[in-house]
Amino acid sequence: MAKNERVAVYPGSFDPITLGHIDIIRRALKIFDRLVILVLENPRKEAVLFPTKEKMNMIKISTKDMKNVEVDSFEGLLVDYLKKKKIDFVIRGMRALSDFDLEFQMAMVNKRSKSDKETVFIMTDKKYFYLNSSTVRELAKYGASISNMVPKEIEVLIKKKFAE
């Protein structure tokens, strides 16, 4: 990491990555010099469509035209990842008031762990307020159109997954 380089981590499950995620990534890159998109491995999460390596590949495909983006994965506490990588900022996308409640709670837990890390909340574009990965998975499962929800290359991969 270069001196004075502003680096942030955008953590999530990204199962799959959506246009809402892409919107947050593009906007975060206006604020930070480099962005690490971190696929968090959550063994408690039951409804996982794609394994971590496939999610990371989909993110790389979706961000191939963006400079200063890297993709990583981690199992454990986000605070531990941030300390290990010496990163001070976390990006969290916000859609609705319910998102704020959960995200604010997580940010405060991180602060209570004597962390000097800061959480930056970015509101999603209004056209993505309704959008989340669970909705994409549910619609795709039943063959509904998801073309206005995910990048085109990712739509193909999702359809292929449900055809298997």
Protein backbone atom coordinates (compact mmCIF):
# COMPACT_ATOMS: atom_id res chain seq x y z
CA MET A 1 0.00 0.00 0.00
CA ALA A 2 1.44 3.36 -1.04
CA LYS A 3 1.82 6.04 1.61
CA ASN A 4 -1.31 8.18 1.90
CA GLU A 5 -3.23 5.83 -0.38
CA ARG A 6 -6.86 5.67 0.72
CA VAL A 7 -7.97 2.04 0.63
CA ALA A 8 -11.37 0.67 1.58
CA VAL A 9 -12.91 -2.78 1.86
CA TYR A 10 -16.39 -3.50 0.53
CA PRO A 11 -17.42 -6.74 2.28
CA GLY A 12 -20.38 -8.94 1.48
CA SER A 13 -21.58 -12.31 0.30
CA PHE A 14 -22.12 -11.16 -3.32
CA ASP A 15 -24.20 -14.26 -4.08
CA PRO A 16 -24.50 -13.10 -6.84
CA ILE A 17 -23.10 -9.63 -7.48
CA THR A 18 -25.87 -7.25 -8.60
CA LEU A 19 -26.08 -3.93 -10.40
CA GLY A 20 -26.69 -2.39 -6.97
CA HIS A 21 -23.29 -3.69 -5.83
CA ILE A 22 -21.69 -2.32 -9.01
CA ASP A 23 -23.27 1.08 -8.31
CA ILE A 24 -21.75 1.15 -4.82
CA ILE A 25 -18.34 0.03 -6.16
CA ARG A 26 -18.25 2.77 -8.81
CA ARG A 27 -19.22 5.43 -6.30
CA ALA A 28 -16.73 4.20 -3.68
CA LEU A 29 -13.96 4.49 -6.27
CA LYS A 30 -14.71 8.23 -6.48
CA ILE A 31 -13.78 8.51 -2.79
CA PHE A 32 -10.99 5.94 -2.40
CA ASP A 33 -7.79 5.26 -4.34
CA ARG A 34 -8.25 1.50 -4.15
CA LEU A 35 -11.13 -0.78 -3.26
CA VAL A 36 -10.92 -4.37 -2.05
CA ILE A 37 -14.14 -6.26 -2.68
CA LEU A 38 -14.15 -8.87 0.05
CA VAL A 39 -16.24 -12.00 -0.26
CA LEU A 40 -16.98 -12.98 3.31
CA GLU A 41 -17.34 -16.69 3.85
CA ASN A 42 -20.17 -17.27 6.29
CA PRO A 43 -20.53 -20.94 7.24
CA ARG A 44 -23.88 -20.14 8.93
CA LYS A 45 -25.45 -18.88 5.72
CA GLU A 46 -27.61 -21.67 4.38
CA ALA A 47 -28.84 -20.49 0.99
CA VAL A 48 -25.55 -20.14 -0.89
CA LEU A 49 -25.85 -20.41 -4.67
CA PHE A 50 -22.22 -19.94 -5.72
CA PRO A 51 -19.04 -21.13 -3.98
CA THR A 52 -16.56 -18.42 -2.98
CA LYS A 53 -14.22 -18.91 -5.97
CA GLU A 54 -17.13 -18.51 -8.43
CA LYS A 55 -18.36 -15.39 -6.63
CA MET A 56 -14.86 -13.92 -6.80
CA ASN A 57 -14.67 -14.71 -10.51
CA MET A 58 -18.06 -13.05 -11.12
CA ILE A 59 -16.88 -9.93 -9.30
CA LYS A 60 -13.69 -9.84 -11.40
CA ILE A 61 -15.77 -10.16 -14.60
CA SER A 62 -18.15 -7.42 -13.43
CA THR A 63 -15.36 -4.99 -12.51
CA LYS A 64 -12.90 -5.72 -15.34
CA ASP A 65 -13.27 -2.16 -16.66
CA MET A 66 -12.57 -0.59 -13.25
CA LYS A 67 -9.09 0.39 -12.18
CA ASN A 68 -7.88 -0.05 -8.61
CA VAL A 69 -10.28 -2.86 -7.71
CA GLU A 70 -9.09 -6.12 -6.24
CA VAL A 71 -11.07 -9.13 -5.05
CA ASP A 72 -10.31 -11.19 -1.98
CA SER A 73 -12.08 -13.60 0.38
CA PHE A 74 -11.96 -14.10 4.11
CA GLU A 75 -13.52 -16.26 6.80
CA GLY A 76 -13.61 -14.69 10.22
CA LEU A 77 -14.14 -11.26 11.69
CA LEU A 78 -13.94 -8.31 9.33
CA VAL A 79 -11.97 -6.35 11.95
CA ASP A 80 -9.28 -9.05 11.85
CA TYR A 81 -9.03 -8.79 8.06
CA LEU A 82 -8.75 -5.00 8.25
CA LYS A 83 -5.97 -5.19 10.84
CA LYS A 84 -4.10 -7.87 8.89
CA LYS A 85 -4.23 -5.83 5.67
CA LYS A 86 -3.76 -2.46 7.41
CA ILE A 87 -6.95 -1.02 5.90
CA ASP A 88 -8.88 1.65 7.80
CA PHE A 89 -12.16 2.01 5.90
CA VAL A 90 -15.18 -0.20 5.29
CA ILE A 91 -17.79 0.56 2.63
CA ARG A 92 -21.37 -0.42 3.32
CA GLY A 93 -24.16 0.01 0.81
CA MET A 94 -27.48 1.26 2.10
CA ARG A 95 -30.87 0.68 0.50
CA ALA A 96 -33.48 1.33 3.15
CA LEU A 97 -33.94 2.18 6.80
CA SER A 98 -33.78 -1.53 7.68
CA ASP A 99 -30.26 -1.66 6.16
CA PHE A 100 -29.22 1.29 8.27
CA ASP A 101 -30.33 -0.42 11.46
CA LEU A 102 -28.23 -3.53 10.83
CA GLU A 103 -25.22 -1.73 9.33
CA PHE A 104 -25.11 0.86 12.12
CA GLN A 105 -25.20 -1.94 14.68
CA MET A 106 -22.29 -3.73 12.98
CA ALA A 107 -20.28 -0.49 12.74
CA MET A 108 -20.78 0.10 16.47
CA VAL A 109 -19.72 -3.47 17.32
CA ASN A 110 -16.53 -2.87 15.32
CA LYS A 111 -15.93 0.37 17.22
CA ARG A 112 -16.47 -1.35 20.58
CA SER A 113 -13.74 -3.82 19.71
CA LYS A 114 -11.33 -0.90 20.12
CA SER A 115 -11.02 -0.58 16.39
CA ASP A 116 -9.85 2.65 14.76
CA LYS A 117 -11.55 1.57 11.52
CA GLU A 118 -14.23 3.78 9.99
CA THR A 119 -17.40 2.70 8.20
CA VAL A 120 -18.52 4.76 5.21
CA PHE A 121 -22.17 4.36 4.26
CA ILE A 122 -23.09 4.90 0.61
CA MET A 123 -26.74 5.14 -0.38
CA THR A 124 -27.59 3.10 -3.43
CA ASP A 125 -29.13 4.72 -6.47
CA LYS A 126 -32.93 4.84 -6.14
CA LYS A 127 -33.33 2.41 -9.03
CA TYR A 128 -31.66 -0.29 -6.90
CA PHE A 129 -33.55 0.25 -3.61
CA TYR A 130 -35.48 -2.99 -4.06
CA LEU A 131 -32.55 -5.04 -5.29
CA ASN A 132 -30.69 -7.71 -3.32
CA SER A 133 -28.99 -11.01 -4.10
CA SER A 134 -31.76 -13.05 -2.48
CA THR A 135 -34.33 -11.54 -4.83
CA VAL A 136 -32.11 -12.26 -7.83
CA ARG A 137 -31.69 -15.89 -6.76
CA GLU A 138 -35.41 -16.35 -6.18
CA LEU A 139 -36.43 -14.84 -9.52
CA ALA A 140 -33.75 -16.77 -11.42
CA LYS A 141 -34.80 -20.02 -9.77
CA TYR A 142 -38.25 -19.67 -11.35
CA GLY A 143 -37.01 -18.43 -14.72
CA ALA A 144 -38.06 -14.78 -14.32
CA SER A 145 -36.05 -12.05 -15.98
CA ILE A 146 -33.10 -10.69 -14.01
CA SER A 147 -31.60 -8.72 -16.89
CA ASN A 148 -32.09 -5.36 -15.15
CA MET A 149 -30.60 -6.66 -11.90
CA VAL A 150 -27.18 -8.15 -12.75
CA PRO A 151 -24.45 -7.56 -15.34
CA LYS A 152 -25.17 -9.44 -18.60
CA GLU A 153 -22.19 -11.81 -18.20
CA ILE A 154 -23.40 -12.71 -14.71
CA GLU A 155 -26.96 -13.31 -15.88
CA VAL A 156 -25.62 -16.04 -18.19
CA LEU A 157 -23.76 -17.70 -15.30
CA ILE A 158 -26.81 -17.58 -13.03
CA LYS A 159 -29.07 -19.10 -15.67
CA LYS A 160 -26.50 -21.80 -16.31
CA LYS A 161 -26.34 -22.57 -12.58
CA PHE A 162 -30.11 -23.07 -12.36
CA ALA A 163 -30.13 -25.18 -15.52
CA GLU A 164 -27.76 -27.69 -13.86
